Amino acid sequence: MDGDRKAMYDGWRKDGAHSKEWQAVTKAFLDHAFVVEPGLVVLCPCSKCENKWLWAKEDIEEHLCIRGFMPNYLVWRAHGEHGERVDQGVDLHEDHDRMDEMLNDLGIGVDRTAEGPGQLPPEVEEFYRLLDASDERLHDYT
């Protein structure tokens, strides 16, 4: 879709008085999502579901009206789109939450690539194991 997707965020209002542009982009999204994935349910991109749960079209429309779109979902990857959009003023790094950068900032002097037993305390090794496990996909819908 070539429309201005910044309206997905700029046009949404908590009080429900969404802009006409937001309504148009949301309708275009719903039409696109249910054409690409024909069926009764698709992943919901609202700010709560964040493409983790399958819902019917009417439910997704309600979720988007109440909660808005999840942050930085300008390229509808979970709904069949590929590539990057170039919309000015909007961060396109939707899969990058900078958590690793913050942890690196806090762990100055800790080498995660160090090998050999006993170089890191066991609780730190467990933390990094859990952190690495959090990056693994559980199934095709995560």
C-alpha atoms as a PDB file:
ATOM      1  CA  MET A   1       0.000   0.000   0.000  1.00  0.00           C
ATOM      2  CA  ASP A   2       1.367   3.409  -0.938  1.00  0.00           C
ATOM      3  CA  GLY A   3      -0.642   5.466   1.568  1.00  0.00           C
ATOM      4  CA  ASP A   4       0.851   7.420   4.418  1.00  0.00           C
ATOM      5  CA  ARG A   5       1.103   4.881   7.228  1.00  0.00           C
ATOM      6  CA  LYS A   6       2.174   7.470   9.777  1.00  0.00           C
ATOM      7  CA  ALA A   7      -1.582   8.015  10.122  1.00  0.00           C
ATOM      8  CA  MET A   8      -1.667   4.609  11.853  1.00  0.00           C
ATOM      9  CA  TYR A   9      -0.134   6.429  14.820  1.00  0.00           C
ATOM     10  CA  ASP A  10      -0.748  10.135  14.242  1.00  0.00           C
ATOM     11  CA  GLY A  11      -4.458   9.654  13.506  1.00  0.00           C
ATOM     12  CA  TRP A  12      -5.319   7.330  16.408  1.00  0.00           C
ATOM     13  CA  ARG A  13      -6.832   8.940  19.499  1.00  0.00           C
ATOM     14  CA  LYS A  14      -7.454   7.372  22.863  1.00  0.00           C
ATOM     15  CA  ASP A  15     -10.917   8.951  23.043  1.00  0.00           C
ATOM     16  CA  GLY A  16     -11.958   7.134  19.845  1.00  0.00           C
ATOM     17  CA  ALA A  17     -12.134  10.238  17.622  1.00  0.00           C
ATOM     18  CA  HIS A  18      -9.759   8.742  15.051  1.00  0.00           C
ATOM     19  CA  SER A  19      -8.869  10.745  11.943  1.00  0.00           C
ATOM     20  CA  LYS A  20     -10.262   9.892   8.515  1.00  0.00           C
ATOM     21  CA  GLU A  21      -6.706   9.015   7.454  1.00  0.00           C
ATOM     22  CA  TRP A  22      -6.421   6.546  10.351  1.00  0.00           C
ATOM     23  CA  GLN A  23      -9.742   4.991   9.383  1.00  0.00           C
ATOM     24  CA  ALA A  24      -8.604   4.653   5.749  1.00  0.00           C
ATOM     25  CA  VAL A  25      -5.260   3.053   6.665  1.00  0.00           C
ATOM     26  CA  THR A  26      -6.951   0.699   9.131  1.00  0.00           C
ATOM     27  CA  LYS A  27      -9.524  -0.371   6.543  1.00  0.00           C
ATOM     28  CA  ALA A  28      -6.726  -0.874   4.001  1.00  0.00           C
ATOM     29  CA  PHE A  29      -4.796  -2.959   6.530  1.00  0.00           C
ATOM     30  CA  LEU A  30      -7.795  -5.169   7.312  1.00  0.00           C
ATOM     31  CA  ASP A  31      -8.588  -5.648   3.617  1.00  0.00           C
ATOM     32  CA  HIS A  32      -4.934  -6.486   2.897  1.00  0.00           C
ATOM     33  CA  ALA A  33      -4.538  -8.862   5.854  1.00  0.00           C
ATOM     34  CA  PHE A  34      -7.584 -10.943   4.993  1.00  0.00           C
ATOM     35  CA  VAL A  35      -6.694 -11.136   1.278  1.00  0.00           C
ATOM     36  CA  VAL A  36      -3.108 -12.256   1.926  1.00  0.00           C
ATOM     37  CA  GLU A  37      -4.195 -14.779   4.570  1.00  0.00           C
ATOM     38  CA  PRO A  38      -7.630 -15.914   3.436  1.00  0.00           C
ATOM     39  CA  GLY A  39      -9.482 -17.447   6.310  1.00  0.00           C
ATOM     40  CA  LEU A  40     -11.453 -16.575   9.363  1.00  0.00           C
ATOM     41  CA  VAL A  41      -8.598 -15.324  11.566  1.00  0.00           C
ATOM     42  CA  VAL A  42      -5.227 -13.534  11.224  1.00  0.00           C
ATOM     43  CA  LEU A  43      -2.656 -12.141  13.649  1.00  0.00           C
ATOM     44  CA  CYS A  44      -3.798  -8.989  15.436  1.00  0.00           C
ATOM     45  CA  PRO A  45      -1.328  -6.035  15.279  1.00  0.00           C
ATOM     46  CA  CYS A  46      -2.907  -4.038  18.111  1.00  0.00           C
ATOM     47  CA  SER A  47      -0.675  -2.673  20.855  1.00  0.00           C
ATOM     48  CA  LYS A  48      -1.700  -5.477  23.227  1.00  0.00           C
ATOM     49  CA  CYS A  49      -1.717  -8.539  20.937  1.00  0.00           C
ATOM     50  CA  GLU A  50       1.401  -7.469  18.957  1.00  0.00           C
ATOM     51  CA  ASN A  51       0.906 -10.143  16.259  1.00  0.00           C
ATOM     52  CA  LYS A  52       0.855 -12.946  18.837  1.00  0.00           C
ATOM     53  CA  TRP A  53      -2.844 -13.889  18.720  1.00  0.00           C
ATOM     54  CA  LEU A  54      -5.240 -14.856  15.945  1.00  0.00           C
ATOM     55  CA  TRP A  55      -8.536 -12.985  15.776  1.00  0.00           C
ATOM     56  CA  ALA A  56     -11.450 -12.481  13.388  1.00  0.00           C
ATOM     57  CA  LYS A  57     -11.640  -9.310  11.282  1.00  0.00           C
ATOM     58  CA  GLU A  58     -14.292  -7.659  13.455  1.00  0.00           C
ATOM     59  CA  ASP A  59     -12.303  -8.351  16.626  1.00  0.00           C
ATOM     60  CA  ILE A  60      -9.100  -6.927  15.131  1.00  0.00           C
ATOM     61  CA  GLU A  61     -10.965  -3.813  14.020  1.00  0.00           C
ATOM     62  CA  GLU A  62     -12.255  -3.365  17.580  1.00  0.00           C
ATOM     63  CA  HIS A  63      -8.793  -3.963  19.083  1.00  0.00           C
ATOM     64  CA  LEU A  64      -7.236  -1.381  16.757  1.00  0.00           C
ATOM     65  CA  CYS A  65      -9.939   1.170  17.546  1.00  0.00           C
ATOM     66  CA  ILE A  66      -9.494   0.732  21.296  1.00  0.00           C
ATOM     67  CA  ARG A  67      -5.729   0.119  21.549  1.00  0.00           C
ATOM     68  CA  GLY A  68      -4.190   1.344  18.304  1.00  0.00           C
ATOM     69  CA  PHE A  69      -1.499  -0.387  16.271  1.00  0.00           C
ATOM     70  CA  MET A  70       1.580  -1.909  17.913  1.00  0.00           C
ATOM     71  CA  PRO A  71       4.615   0.421  17.760  1.00  0.00           C
ATOM     72  CA  ASN A  72       6.475   0.806  14.453  1.00  0.00           C
ATOM     73  CA  TYR A  73       4.400  -1.674  12.448  1.00  0.00           C
ATOM     74  CA  LEU A  74       4.768   0.235   9.179  1.00  0.00           C
ATOM     75  CA  VAL A  75       5.795  -2.807   7.152  1.00  0.00           C
ATOM     76  CA  TRP A  76       3.099  -5.421   7.604  1.00  0.00           C
ATOM     77  CA  ARG A  77       5.565  -8.337   7.666  1.00  0.00           C
ATOM     78  CA  ALA A  78       3.308 -10.682   9.621  1.00  0.00           C
ATOM     79  CA  HIS A  79       0.634  -9.994   7.017  1.00  0.00           C
ATOM     80  CA  GLY A  80       2.588 -10.730   3.836  1.00  0.00           C
ATOM     81  CA  GLU A  81       4.610  -7.576   3.159  1.00  0.00           C
ATOM     82  CA  HIS A  82       8.356  -7.588   2.569  1.00  0.00           C
ATOM     83  CA  GLY A  83      11.022  -4.893   2.568  1.00  0.00           C
ATOM     84  CA  GLU A  84      11.227  -1.559   4.313  1.00  0.00           C
ATOM     85  CA  ARG A  85       9.080   1.518   3.938  1.00  0.00           C
ATOM     86  CA  VAL A  86      10.687   4.913   4.039  1.00  0.00           C
ATOM     87  CA  ASP A  87       8.324   7.173   5.961  1.00  0.00           C
ATOM     88  CA  GLN A  88      10.061  10.206   7.365  1.00  0.00           C
ATOM     89  CA  GLY A  89      10.155  10.693  11.084  1.00  0.00           C
ATOM     90  CA  VAL A  90       9.206   7.140  12.051  1.00  0.00           C
ATOM     91  CA  ASP A  91      11.629   4.534  13.380  1.00  0.00           C
ATOM     92  CA  LEU A  92      11.575   1.430  11.181  1.00  0.00           C
ATOM     93  CA  HIS A  93      13.468  -0.820  13.584  1.00  0.00           C
ATOM     94  CA  GLU A  94      10.372  -2.651  14.766  1.00  0.00           C
ATOM     95  CA  ASP A  95      12.209  -5.800  15.814  1.00  0.00           C
ATOM     96  CA  HIS A  96      14.977  -3.953  17.648  1.00  0.00           C
ATOM     97  CA  ASP A  97      14.062  -2.936  21.189  1.00  0.00           C
ATOM     98  CA  ARG A  98      17.652  -2.038  22.209  1.00  0.00           C
ATOM     99  CA  MET A  99      17.499  -4.321  25.262  1.00  0.00           C
ATOM    100  CA  ASP A 100      20.862  -5.877  24.359  1.00  0.00           C
ATOM    101  CA  GLU A 101      22.410  -2.406  24.158  1.00  0.00           C
ATOM    102  CA  MET A 102      21.093  -1.501  27.614  1.00  0.00           C
ATOM    103  CA  LEU A 103      22.389  -4.761  29.075  1.00  0.00           C
ATOM    104  CA  ASN A 104      25.772  -4.198  27.462  1.00  0.00           C
ATOM    105  CA  ASP A 105      25.853  -0.709  28.969  1.00  0.00           C
ATOM    106  CA  LEU A 106      25.197  -2.171  32.416  1.00  0.00           C
ATOM    107  CA  GLY A 107      27.631  -5.066  32.018  1.00  0.00           C
ATOM    108  CA  ILE A 108      30.796  -3.178  31.171  1.00  0.00           C
ATOM    109  CA  GLY A 109      33.725  -5.572  31.382  1.00  0.00           C
ATOM    110  CA  VAL A 110      31.583  -8.710  31.079  1.00  0.00           C
ATOM    111  CA  ASP A 111      32.577 -10.690  28.008  1.00  0.00           C
ATOM    112  CA  ARG A 112      29.637 -12.811  26.870  1.00  0.00           C
ATOM    113  CA  THR A 113      31.859 -14.630  24.411  1.00  0.00           C
ATOM    114  CA  ALA A 114      34.395 -15.713  27.042  1.00  0.00           C
ATOM    115  CA  GLU A 115      34.866 -19.455  27.087  1.00  0.00           C
ATOM    116  CA  GLY A 116      35.813 -21.750  29.881  1.00  0.00           C
ATOM    117  CA  PRO A 117      34.084 -22.711  33.108  1.00  0.00           C
ATOM    118  CA  GLY A 118      34.071 -20.380  36.063  1.00  0.00           C
ATOM    119  CA  GLN A 119      34.629 -17.128  34.207  1.00  0.00           C
ATOM    120  CA  LEU A 120      31.127 -15.863  34.991  1.00  0.00           C
ATOM    121  CA  PRO A 121      29.102 -16.421  38.146  1.00  0.00           C
ATOM    122  CA  PRO A 122      26.445 -19.132  37.701  1.00  0.00           C
ATOM    123  CA  GLU A 123      23.553 -16.675  38.057  1.00  0.00           C
ATOM    124  CA  VAL A 124      25.039 -14.527  35.287  1.00  0.00           C
ATOM    125  CA  GLU A 125      25.449 -17.569  33.030  1.00  0.00           C
ATOM    126  CA  GLU A 126      21.821 -18.531  33.732  1.00  0.00           C
ATOM    127  CA  PHE A 127      20.673 -14.976  32.971  1.00  0.00           C
ATOM    128  CA  TYR A 128      22.460 -15.000  29.605  1.00  0.00           C
ATOM    129  CA  ARG A 129      21.076 -18.454  28.816  1.00  0.00           C
ATOM    130  CA  LEU A 130      17.557 -17.164  29.482  1.00  0.00           C
ATOM    131  CA  LEU A 131      18.237 -14.008  27.488  1.00  0.00           C
ATOM    132  CA  ASP A 132      19.417 -16.057  24.500  1.00  0.00           C
ATOM    133  CA  ALA A 133      16.410 -18.371  24.840  1.00  0.00           C
ATOM    134  CA  SER A 134      14.076 -15.366  24.688  1.00  0.00           C
ATOM    135  CA  ASP A 135      15.283 -14.702  21.134  1.00  0.00           C
ATOM    136  CA  GLU A 136      14.229 -18.164  19.926  1.00  0.00           C
ATOM    137  CA  ARG A 137      10.890 -18.531  18.157  1.00  0.00           C
ATOM    138  CA  LEU A 138       8.465 -20.862  19.898  1.00  0.00           C
ATOM    139  CA  HIS A 139       6.396 -21.488  16.760  1.00  0.00           C
ATOM    140  CA  ASP A 140       5.508 -19.875  13.429  1.00  0.00           C
ATOM    141  CA  TYR A 141       3.186 -17.310  15.038  1.00  0.00           C
ATOM    142  CA  THR A 142       5.741 -15.638  17.336  1.00  0.00           C
END
